[in-house]
């Protein structure tokens, strides 16, 4: 009984949490209608992973290690380009999470990168079988890389909410 109580208290004091940014490695996103998972392959960009849900063998994913409801949000930062639309979404097991996407029209005349943030959504994950990703989409007419500008970069943030 004491071991179960200790395990429960430890979990409450240190729930699953994941924070990743693209620190040095970008993702190439083709133009069109295919959503592209954002790659967090640079381990230096893994800011927090309290339960080991990220793996270098699947660097676009956070796989839940504990079943429950999780808060998830993300961002995709696109390199400068003035043509087409930009979008970002949260996906569970490769499929869109309803209400967790953002689309904006082309940044006409802008000489700045475009960062698209997803809404914060609560998602149920079944332990080690479910994973979350942030996806990007763009329609510039050619491939477009994500961009890293200091504190403006693609990111994925996940934290345990409740059982």
Protein backbone atom coordinates (compact mmCIF):
# COMPACT_ATOMS: atom_id res chain seq x y z
CA UNK A 1 0.00 0.00 0.00
CA UNK A 2 2.79 2.45 0.85
CA UNK A 3 4.52 1.70 -2.48
CA UNK A 4 1.32 2.50 -4.39
CA UNK A 5 0.81 5.70 -2.40
CA UNK A 6 4.41 6.72 -3.02
CA UNK A 7 4.08 5.99 -6.75
CA UNK A 8 0.88 8.05 -6.92
CA UNK A 9 2.43 10.99 -5.10
CA UNK A 10 5.54 10.82 -7.28
CA UNK A 11 3.34 10.91 -10.39
CA UNK A 12 1.35 13.90 -9.10
CA UNK A 13 4.55 15.80 -8.31
CA UNK A 14 6.18 14.89 -11.63
CA UNK A 15 3.50 14.31 -14.31
CA UNK A 16 4.39 13.62 -17.95
CA UNK A 17 5.57 16.73 -19.78
CA UNK A 18 7.26 17.28 -23.14
CA UNK A 19 8.70 20.45 -24.67
CA UNK A 20 10.57 20.43 -28.00
CA UNK A 21 11.80 23.11 -30.38
CA UNK A 22 13.65 22.97 -33.67
CA UNK A 23 17.02 24.11 -32.38
CA UNK A 24 19.26 23.57 -35.43
CA UNK A 25 17.59 21.15 -37.88
CA UNK A 26 14.75 22.32 -40.14
CA UNK A 27 12.03 20.37 -41.98
CA UNK A 28 11.35 20.69 -45.70
CA UNK A 29 7.61 21.00 -46.38
CA UNK A 30 6.47 20.35 -49.98
CA UNK A 31 3.87 22.58 -51.56
CA UNK A 32 0.42 21.08 -51.86
CA UNK A 33 -2.16 19.26 -49.83
CA UNK A 34 0.03 16.84 -47.84
CA UNK A 35 0.57 17.59 -44.16
CA UNK A 36 4.19 17.15 -43.07
CA UNK A 37 5.22 16.14 -39.52
CA UNK A 38 7.77 18.53 -38.04
CA UNK A 39 11.09 16.87 -37.20
CA UNK A 40 12.64 17.43 -33.77
CA UNK A 41 15.74 15.36 -34.57
CA UNK A 42 18.15 17.62 -32.68
CA UNK A 43 18.27 16.26 -29.11
CA UNK A 44 19.41 19.74 -27.98
CA UNK A 45 15.90 20.93 -28.88
CA UNK A 46 14.26 18.51 -26.44
CA UNK A 47 13.81 20.89 -23.51
CA UNK A 48 11.81 18.54 -21.29
CA UNK A 49 10.71 14.91 -21.55
CA UNK A 50 9.90 13.72 -18.05
CA UNK A 51 8.74 10.22 -19.07
CA UNK A 52 10.85 9.49 -22.16
CA UNK A 53 8.11 9.78 -24.79
CA UNK A 54 10.45 11.15 -27.51
CA UNK A 55 12.80 8.88 -29.44
CA UNK A 56 15.47 9.65 -32.01
CA UNK A 57 14.07 6.76 -34.08
CA UNK A 58 10.74 8.67 -34.45
CA UNK A 59 11.85 12.30 -33.95
CA UNK A 60 8.54 13.84 -35.08
CA UNK A 61 6.55 12.12 -32.31
CA UNK A 62 5.80 12.25 -28.63
CA UNK A 63 4.45 8.85 -27.58
CA UNK A 64 2.52 8.80 -24.32
CA UNK A 65 4.02 6.55 -21.66
CA UNK A 66 0.99 6.90 -19.37
CA UNK A 67 -2.66 6.81 -20.49
CA UNK A 68 -4.75 9.90 -19.84
CA UNK A 69 -5.78 13.32 -21.10
CA UNK A 70 -3.00 15.62 -22.30
CA UNK A 71 -2.86 19.29 -23.22
CA UNK A 72 -1.17 19.75 -26.61
CA UNK A 73 -0.13 22.74 -28.68
CA UNK A 74 2.44 23.44 -31.34
CA UNK A 75 3.83 25.92 -33.80
CA UNK A 76 5.33 25.80 -37.27
CA UNK A 77 7.68 28.57 -38.37
CA UNK A 78 7.97 28.84 -42.16
CA UNK A 79 10.86 30.47 -44.00
CA UNK A 80 10.22 33.77 -45.77
CA UNK A 81 8.07 33.38 -48.87
CA UNK A 82 5.22 35.64 -50.03
CA UNK A 83 3.19 33.08 -52.00
CA UNK A 84 0.42 30.72 -50.86
CA UNK A 85 -1.12 29.73 -47.55
CA UNK A 86 0.40 28.37 -44.33
CA UNK A 87 -1.13 25.99 -41.79
CA UNK A 88 -0.29 24.08 -38.62
CA UNK A 89 -2.16 21.37 -36.75
CA UNK A 90 -1.81 18.83 -33.96
CA UNK A 91 -2.22 15.22 -35.09
CA UNK A 92 -2.85 12.06 -33.05
CA UNK A 93 -1.47 8.89 -34.66
CA UNK A 94 -1.11 10.86 -37.92
CA UNK A 95 -4.74 12.04 -37.98
CA UNK A 96 -5.91 15.61 -37.29
CA UNK A 97 -7.17 16.50 -33.82
CA UNK A 98 -10.44 18.35 -34.41
CA UNK A 99 -10.19 22.03 -33.48
CA UNK A 100 -6.38 21.92 -33.27
CA UNK A 101 -5.46 23.51 -36.59
CA UNK A 102 -4.78 27.01 -37.87
CA UNK A 103 -4.70 28.26 -41.47
CA UNK A 104 -3.68 31.72 -42.65
CA UNK A 105 -3.56 33.31 -46.06
CA UNK A 106 -0.28 34.05 -47.76
CA UNK A 107 1.94 36.67 -46.13
CA UNK A 108 1.85 38.91 -49.25
CA UNK A 109 4.65 41.44 -49.37
CA UNK A 110 6.18 40.27 -46.09
CA UNK A 111 9.91 39.84 -45.75
CA UNK A 112 9.50 37.96 -42.47
CA UNK A 113 9.16 34.31 -41.61
CA UNK A 114 5.62 33.19 -40.79
CA UNK A 115 4.94 31.39 -37.50
CA UNK A 116 1.62 29.56 -37.14
CA UNK A 117 0.51 28.42 -33.68
CA UNK A 118 -2.10 25.73 -33.07
CA UNK A 119 -4.88 26.16 -30.52
CA UNK A 120 -4.37 24.44 -27.17
CA UNK A 121 -6.40 21.22 -27.14
CA UNK A 122 -6.95 18.36 -24.70
CA UNK A 123 -6.38 14.91 -26.27
CA UNK A 124 -6.80 11.42 -24.80
CA UNK A 125 -3.78 9.14 -25.31
CA UNK A 126 -3.76 5.36 -24.63
CA UNK A 127 -0.36 4.79 -23.09
CA UNK A 128 2.41 3.65 -25.43
CA UNK A 129 0.15 3.13 -28.47
CA UNK A 130 -0.79 6.79 -29.13
CA UNK A 131 1.46 9.62 -30.25
CA UNK A 132 1.15 13.33 -31.01
CA UNK A 133 2.87 15.42 -33.67
CA UNK A 134 2.69 18.96 -35.00
CA UNK A 135 2.21 19.12 -38.79
CA UNK A 136 2.81 21.90 -41.29
CA UNK A 137 1.22 22.62 -44.66
CA UNK A 138 1.99 25.28 -47.24
CA UNK A 139 1.03 26.16 -50.83
CA UNK A 140 3.86 28.38 -52.06
CA UNK A 141 4.35 26.42 -55.28
CA UNK A 142 7.63 24.83 -54.18
CA UNK A 143 9.17 23.20 -51.12
CA UNK A 144 9.58 25.52 -48.17
CA UNK A 145 11.73 24.88 -45.12
CA UNK A 146 10.80 25.60 -41.56
CA UNK A 147 12.90 28.40 -40.16
CA UNK A 148 14.74 28.97 -36.90
CA UNK A 149 14.99 32.57 -35.68
CA UNK A 150 16.20 32.48 -32.08
CA UNK A 151 13.02 32.38 -30.03
CA UNK A 152 10.76 31.96 -33.10
CA UNK A 153 10.86 28.33 -34.25
CA UNK A 154 8.70 25.27 -34.70
CA UNK A 155 7.70 23.68 -31.41
CA UNK A 156 5.59 21.00 -29.73
CA UNK A 157 4.34 21.23 -26.15
CA UNK A 158 2.51 18.41 -24.33
CA UNK A 159 1.57 18.07 -20.67
CA UNK A 160 -0.49 15.61 -18.70
CA UNK A 161 -3.92 17.00 -17.66
CA UNK A 162 -5.73 14.15 -15.87
CA UNK A 163 -6.77 10.50 -16.11
